[in-house]
Every structure is written in C-alpha cells, then in structure tokens.
N, C-alpha and C. Protein backbone atom coordinates (compact mmCIF):
# COMPACT_ATOMS: atom_id res chain seq x y z
N UNK A 1 2.21 7.59 -0.06
CA UNK A 1 1.20 6.38 -0.16
C UNK A 1 -0.82 6.59 -1.31
N UNK A 2 -0.24 5.83 -1.43
CA UNK A 2 -1.73 5.49 -2.87
C UNK A 2 -2.70 5.26 -2.13
N UNK A 3 -3.50 5.49 -3.50
CA UNK A 3 -5.32 5.39 -3.44
C UNK A 3 -5.74 4.29 -4.03
N UNK A 4 -5.74 2.76 -3.62
CA UNK A 4 -6.32 1.14 -4.45
C UNK A 4 -8.25 1.74 -3.82
N UNK A 5 -8.83 2.21 -5.29
CA UNK A 5 -9.94 2.15 -5.28
C UNK A 5 -10.17 0.42 -5.48
N UNK A 6 -11.20 -0.23 -4.49
CA UNK A 6 -11.44 -1.43 -4.57
C UNK A 6 -13.22 -1.64 -4.25
N UNK A 7 -14.27 -1.41 -4.87
CA UNK A 7 -15.76 -0.69 -4.04
C UNK A 7 -15.58 -2.71 -3.49
N UNK A 8 -16.25 -1.59 -1.70
CA UNK A 8 -16.94 -2.78 -1.19
C UNK A 8 -15.25 -3.32 -0.44
N UNK A 9 -14.89 -1.87 -0.11
CA UNK A 9 -12.68 -3.30 0.16
C UNK A 9 -12.99 -2.83 2.34
N UNK A 10 -13.83 -2.04 2.58
CA UNK A 10 -14.54 -3.07 3.56
C UNK A 10 -14.50 -3.72 4.01
N UNK A 11 -16.04 -4.42 3.22
CA UNK A 11 -16.35 -5.34 3.78
C UNK A 11 -15.67 -6.98 2.86
N UNK A 12 -15.05 -6.76 2.73
CA UNK A 12 -13.69 -8.14 2.48
C UNK A 12 -13.96 -8.73 3.41
N UNK A 13 -13.56 -10.40 2.78
CA UNK A 13 -13.09 -10.79 4.11
C UNK A 13 -12.16 -10.63 4.93
N UNK A 14 -11.57 -11.43 5.54
CA UNK A 14 -10.02 -10.98 6.17
C UNK A 14 -8.76 -12.88 5.83
N UNK A 15 -9.34 -13.28 5.20
CA UNK A 15 -8.86 -14.10 4.89
C UNK A 15 -8.06 -13.44 2.82
N UNK A 16 -9.26 -12.81 2.17
CA UNK A 16 -9.31 -12.86 0.81
C UNK A 16 -8.28 -11.49 1.09
N UNK A 17 -8.55 -10.56 1.96
CA UNK A 17 -6.94 -9.32 2.48
C UNK A 17 -6.27 -9.82 2.87
N UNK A 18 -5.59 -11.02 3.43
CA UNK A 18 -4.82 -11.69 4.49
C UNK A 18 -3.98 -12.50 2.72
N UNK A 19 -4.56 -12.30 1.27
CA UNK A 19 -4.55 -13.15 0.42
C UNK A 19 -3.94 -12.38 -0.72
N UNK A 20 -4.09 -11.10 -0.18
CA UNK A 20 -4.33 -9.72 -1.30
C UNK A 20 -2.97 -9.06 -0.73
N UNK A 21 -2.44 -9.42 0.43
CA UNK A 21 -1.47 -9.21 1.45
C UNK A 21 -0.03 -9.67 0.70
N UNK A 22 -0.15 -11.15 1.27
CA UNK A 22 0.45 -11.58 0.97
C UNK A 22 1.27 -11.18 -0.38
N UNK A 23 0.15 -11.42 -1.93
CA UNK A 23 0.80 -11.66 -2.76
C UNK A 23 1.32 -10.44 -2.95
N UNK A 24 1.16 -9.52 -2.97
CA UNK A 24 1.74 -7.75 -2.76
C UNK A 24 3.39 -8.56 -2.37
N UNK A 25 3.28 -8.63 -1.33
CA UNK A 25 4.75 -8.66 -0.77
C UNK A 25 5.74 -9.74 -1.60
N UNK A 26 4.95 -10.68 -2.04
CA UNK A 26 5.99 -11.20 -3.23
C UNK A 26 6.83 -10.92 -4.22
N UNK A 27 5.70 -9.99 -4.23
CA UNK A 27 6.44 -9.04 -5.81
C UNK A 27 6.99 -7.61 -4.90
N UNK A 28 6.49 -7.35 -3.62
CA UNK A 28 7.99 -6.41 -3.12
C UNK A 28 9.09 -7.02 -3.01
N UNK A 29 9.52 -8.39 -1.95
CA UNK A 29 9.86 -9.12 -2.74
C UNK A 29 11.30 -9.61 -3.73
N UNK A 30 10.29 -10.08 -5.55
CA UNK A 30 11.06 -10.28 -5.91
C UNK A 30 11.49 -8.96 -6.86
N UNK A 31 11.35 -7.63 -6.14
CA UNK A 31 11.46 -6.18 -7.25
C UNK A 31 12.94 -5.33 -5.68
N UNK A 32 12.93 -5.89 -4.95
CA UNK A 32 14.25 -5.72 -4.02
C UNK A 32 14.99 -6.93 -4.92
N UNK A 33 14.58 -7.96 -4.58
CA UNK A 33 15.61 -9.22 -5.34
C UNK A 33 16.07 -8.70 -6.38
N UNK A 34 15.43 -7.67 -7.76
CA UNK A 34 15.77 -6.62 -8.56
C UNK A 34 17.02 -5.30 -8.73
N UNK A 35 17.17 -5.32 -6.68
CA UNK A 35 17.49 -4.12 -6.67
C UNK A 35 17.09 -2.70 -6.02
N UNK A 36 15.80 -2.59 -6.16
CA UNK A 36 14.52 -1.82 -6.32
C UNK A 36 14.52 -1.45 -4.79
N UNK A 37 14.90 -0.43 -4.37
CA UNK A 37 14.27 0.04 -2.85
C UNK A 37 13.59 0.16 -3.02
N UNK A 38 11.87 -0.14 -2.31
CA UNK A 38 10.23 -0.10 -1.99
C UNK A 38 10.22 -1.43 -0.84
N UNK A 39 10.05 -0.93 -0.23
CA UNK A 39 9.03 -1.22 1.00
C UNK A 39 7.63 -0.53 1.47
N UNK A 40 6.59 -1.62 1.71
CA UNK A 40 5.29 -1.56 1.45
C UNK A 40 5.34 -1.30 3.59
N UNK A 41 5.37 -0.16 3.97
CA UNK A 41 4.80 0.20 4.75
C UNK A 41 3.81 -0.50 6.27
N UNK A 42 2.48 0.58 5.61
CA UNK A 42 1.10 -0.22 6.38
C UNK A 42 0.21 0.61 5.75
N UNK A 43 -1.64 -0.35 5.79
CA UNK A 43 -1.96 -0.01 4.91
C UNK A 43 -3.62 0.08 5.36
N UNK A 44 -4.46 0.48 5.31
CA UNK A 44 -5.96 1.12 6.24
C UNK A 44 -6.57 0.70 4.51
N UNK A 45 -7.56 -0.36 5.34
CA UNK A 45 -8.89 -0.20 4.51
C UNK A 45 -9.97 0.36 4.87
N UNK A 46 -10.86 1.32 4.09
CA UNK A 46 -12.15 2.00 5.12
C UNK A 46 -13.03 2.26 3.80
N UNK A 47 -14.13 2.12 3.42
CA UNK A 47 -14.83 2.20 2.79
C UNK A 47 -14.99 1.36 1.15
N UNK A 48 -14.54 1.67 -0.17
CA UNK A 48 -14.25 1.28 -1.27
C UNK A 48 -12.41 1.31 -1.43
N UNK A 49 -12.18 2.02 0.00
CA UNK A 49 -10.10 2.43 -1.19
C UNK A 49 -9.81 1.31 0.06
N UNK A 50 -8.64 1.86 -0.54
CA UNK A 50 -7.56 1.14 0.50
C UNK A 50 -6.56 2.15 0.57
N UNK A 51 -5.92 2.04 1.43
CA UNK A 51 -4.82 3.33 1.15
C UNK A 51 -3.61 2.63 1.98
N UNK A 52 -2.43 2.19 1.15
CA UNK A 52 -0.85 2.14 1.59
C UNK A 52 -0.27 2.46 1.35
N UNK A 53 1.27 2.71 3.07
CA UNK A 53 1.68 4.19 2.79
C UNK A 53 3.80 3.10 2.16
N UNK A 54 4.09 3.68 1.33
CA UNK A 54 4.98 2.71 0.92
C UNK A 54 6.77 3.87 1.52
N UNK A 55 7.69 3.45 1.47
CA UNK A 55 9.02 3.32 1.09
C UNK A 55 9.75 2.63 0.05
N UNK A 56 9.94 4.28 -1.18
CA UNK A 56 9.94 4.15 -2.41
C UNK A 56 11.11 4.70 -2.62
N UNK A 57 11.48 4.51 -3.77
CA UNK A 57 12.07 5.13 -4.48
C UNK A 57 11.89 6.67 -5.60
N UNK A 58 10.72 5.65 -6.23
CA UNK A 58 10.29 7.16 -6.61
C UNK A 58 8.67 6.33 -6.84
N UNK A 59 7.78 7.55 -7.50
CA UNK A 59 6.30 7.35 -7.95
C UNK A 59 6.05 6.40 -8.81
N UNK A 60 7.43 6.11 -10.24
CA UNK A 60 6.87 5.23 -10.82
C UNK A 60 7.44 3.69 -10.05
N UNK A 61 8.01 3.04 -9.07
CA UNK A 61 8.17 2.53 -8.18
C UNK A 61 7.20 1.79 -7.76
N UNK A 62 6.57 2.33 -7.49
CA UNK A 62 5.49 2.01 -6.21
C UNK A 62 4.43 1.54 -7.92
N UNK A 63 3.48 2.40 -8.70
CA UNK A 63 3.47 1.96 -9.37
C UNK A 63 3.75 0.78 -10.06
N UNK A 64 4.66 0.73 -10.86
CA UNK A 64 6.02 -0.86 -10.78
C UNK A 64 4.52 -2.32 -10.41
N UNK A 65 5.20 -1.82 -8.77
CA UNK A 65 4.10 -2.98 -7.98
C UNK A 65 3.25 -2.87 -7.94
N UNK A 66 2.37 -2.46 -8.21
CA UNK A 66 0.95 -1.85 -8.61
C UNK A 66 0.14 -2.86 -9.39
N UNK A 67 1.60 -2.57 -10.64
CA UNK A 67 0.65 -2.74 -12.50
C UNK A 67 1.26 -4.50 -11.67
N UNK A 68 2.67 -5.46 -11.72
CA UNK A 68 3.18 -6.09 -11.32
C UNK A 68 1.92 -6.64 -10.16
N UNK A 69 1.62 -6.78 -9.39
CA UNK A 69 0.37 -7.17 -8.69
C UNK A 69 -0.92 -7.48 -9.01
N UNK A 70 -1.48 -6.69 -10.00
CA UNK A 70 -2.51 -6.71 -10.87
C UNK A 70 -3.54 -6.30 -9.94
N UNK A 71 -3.50 -5.29 -8.89
CA UNK A 71 -4.02 -3.91 -8.86
C UNK A 71 -4.10 -2.39 -8.63
N UNK A 72 -5.12 -1.99 -8.11
CA UNK A 72 -5.56 -0.93 -8.87
C UNK A 72 -4.35 0.19 -7.88
N UNK A 73 -3.94 1.34 -8.85
CA UNK A 73 -3.39 2.18 -7.68
C UNK A 73 -3.95 3.68 -8.47
N UNK A 74 -4.52 4.35 -8.08
CA UNK A 74 -4.98 5.38 -8.84
C UNK A 74 -4.57 6.68 -8.11
N UNK A 75 -4.28 6.96 -7.20
CA UNK A 75 -3.09 7.94 -6.88
C UNK A 75 -2.01 7.73 -5.94
N UNK A 76 -0.77 8.31 -6.61
CA UNK A 76 -0.07 8.38 -5.41
C UNK A 76 0.72 9.78 -4.68
N UNK A 77 0.74 9.73 -4.13
CA UNK A 77 0.78 11.05 -3.22
C UNK A 77 2.03 11.12 -2.63
N UNK A 78 3.13 12.45 -2.39
CA UNK A 78 4.41 11.65 -1.43
C UNK A 78 3.93 12.56 -0.37
N UNK A 79 3.81 11.79 0.64
CA UNK A 79 3.69 11.98 2.52
C UNK A 79 5.53 12.86 2.03
N UNK A 80 4.55 14.26 3.57
CA UNK A 80 5.85 15.38 2.51
C UNK A 80 6.17 15.48 4.87
N UNK A 81 5.28 14.74 6.25
CA UNK A 81 5.53 14.73 7.39
C UNK A 81 4.71 14.08 8.05
N UNK A 82 4.85 13.63 9.71
CA UNK A 82 4.26 12.95 9.48
C UNK A 82 3.89 13.37 11.09
N UNK A 83 2.22 13.55 11.28
CA UNK A 83 2.73 14.23 12.91
C UNK A 83 1.59 13.46 13.46
N UNK A 84 2.54 13.36 15.17
CA UNK A 84 2.25 12.67 16.26
C UNK A 84 0.95 12.89 17.21
N UNK A 85 0.48 12.14 16.94
CA UNK A 85 -0.91 12.25 17.40
C UNK A 85 -0.99 11.47 19.51
N UNK A 86 -0.79 12.74 19.91
CA UNK A 86 -0.34 11.24 21.61
C UNK A 86 -2.02 12.05 22.96
N UNK A 87 -3.01 12.12 22.50
CA UNK A 87 -3.34 12.30 23.66
C UNK A 87 -4.14 11.40 25.03
N UNK A 88 -3.69 10.28 25.30
CA UNK A 88 -3.71 9.80 25.64
C UNK A 88 -3.00 9.81 27.83
N UNK A 89 -2.80 10.30 27.48
CA UNK A 89 -1.72 11.65 28.66
C UNK A 89 -2.94 12.67 28.65
N UNK A 90 -3.46 12.57 28.68
CA UNK A 90 -4.06 14.58 28.87
C UNK A 90 -5.42 14.03 29.03
C-alpha cells in the first residue's frame, strides 16, 4: 500500500480524480506490456492523502509506477494480512 500526499485530495472534482486514474492505468498497461507484474487494486481518498493498494513484484516497481505516472509516493508498506469485517449479520 502506498501513501500519496496530495493536498486537498478529498476536495478534488470527480473528473480530475478519474483523469488521474486513467493516466495511472495507462502507465500500468505500459509496464505490464514490458513484462512487469503490477496491478493497482483499490484506492482510498482521505483528507490530503490518497492510499493505493497494489499487487506487484516489488516496492521498487510500485515506486517506478509512481515516477512514470508523475504521482507522489511518500511511503510503501507491504500488507501482511487482510482482515475481513462483516458485522451486518449481528
């Protein structure tokens, strides 16, 4: 998971967020065309930060994607476990 510091991220217009997503996906497609195993799974916009979850072979590959896409990447943290929460049946 990466942290992208982006001041005002939560206030960005939907069209601007969608444009950034499309550009990011274009770069991911290029990288996969080069034989690199990388996929962006999900993103969360919170305050001044966008958190993105990737499946990738390495931290370096995630940072390469950010650099090529022209996006900030402050930290990369490997997700050790996913915990499911479903309290709707209680």
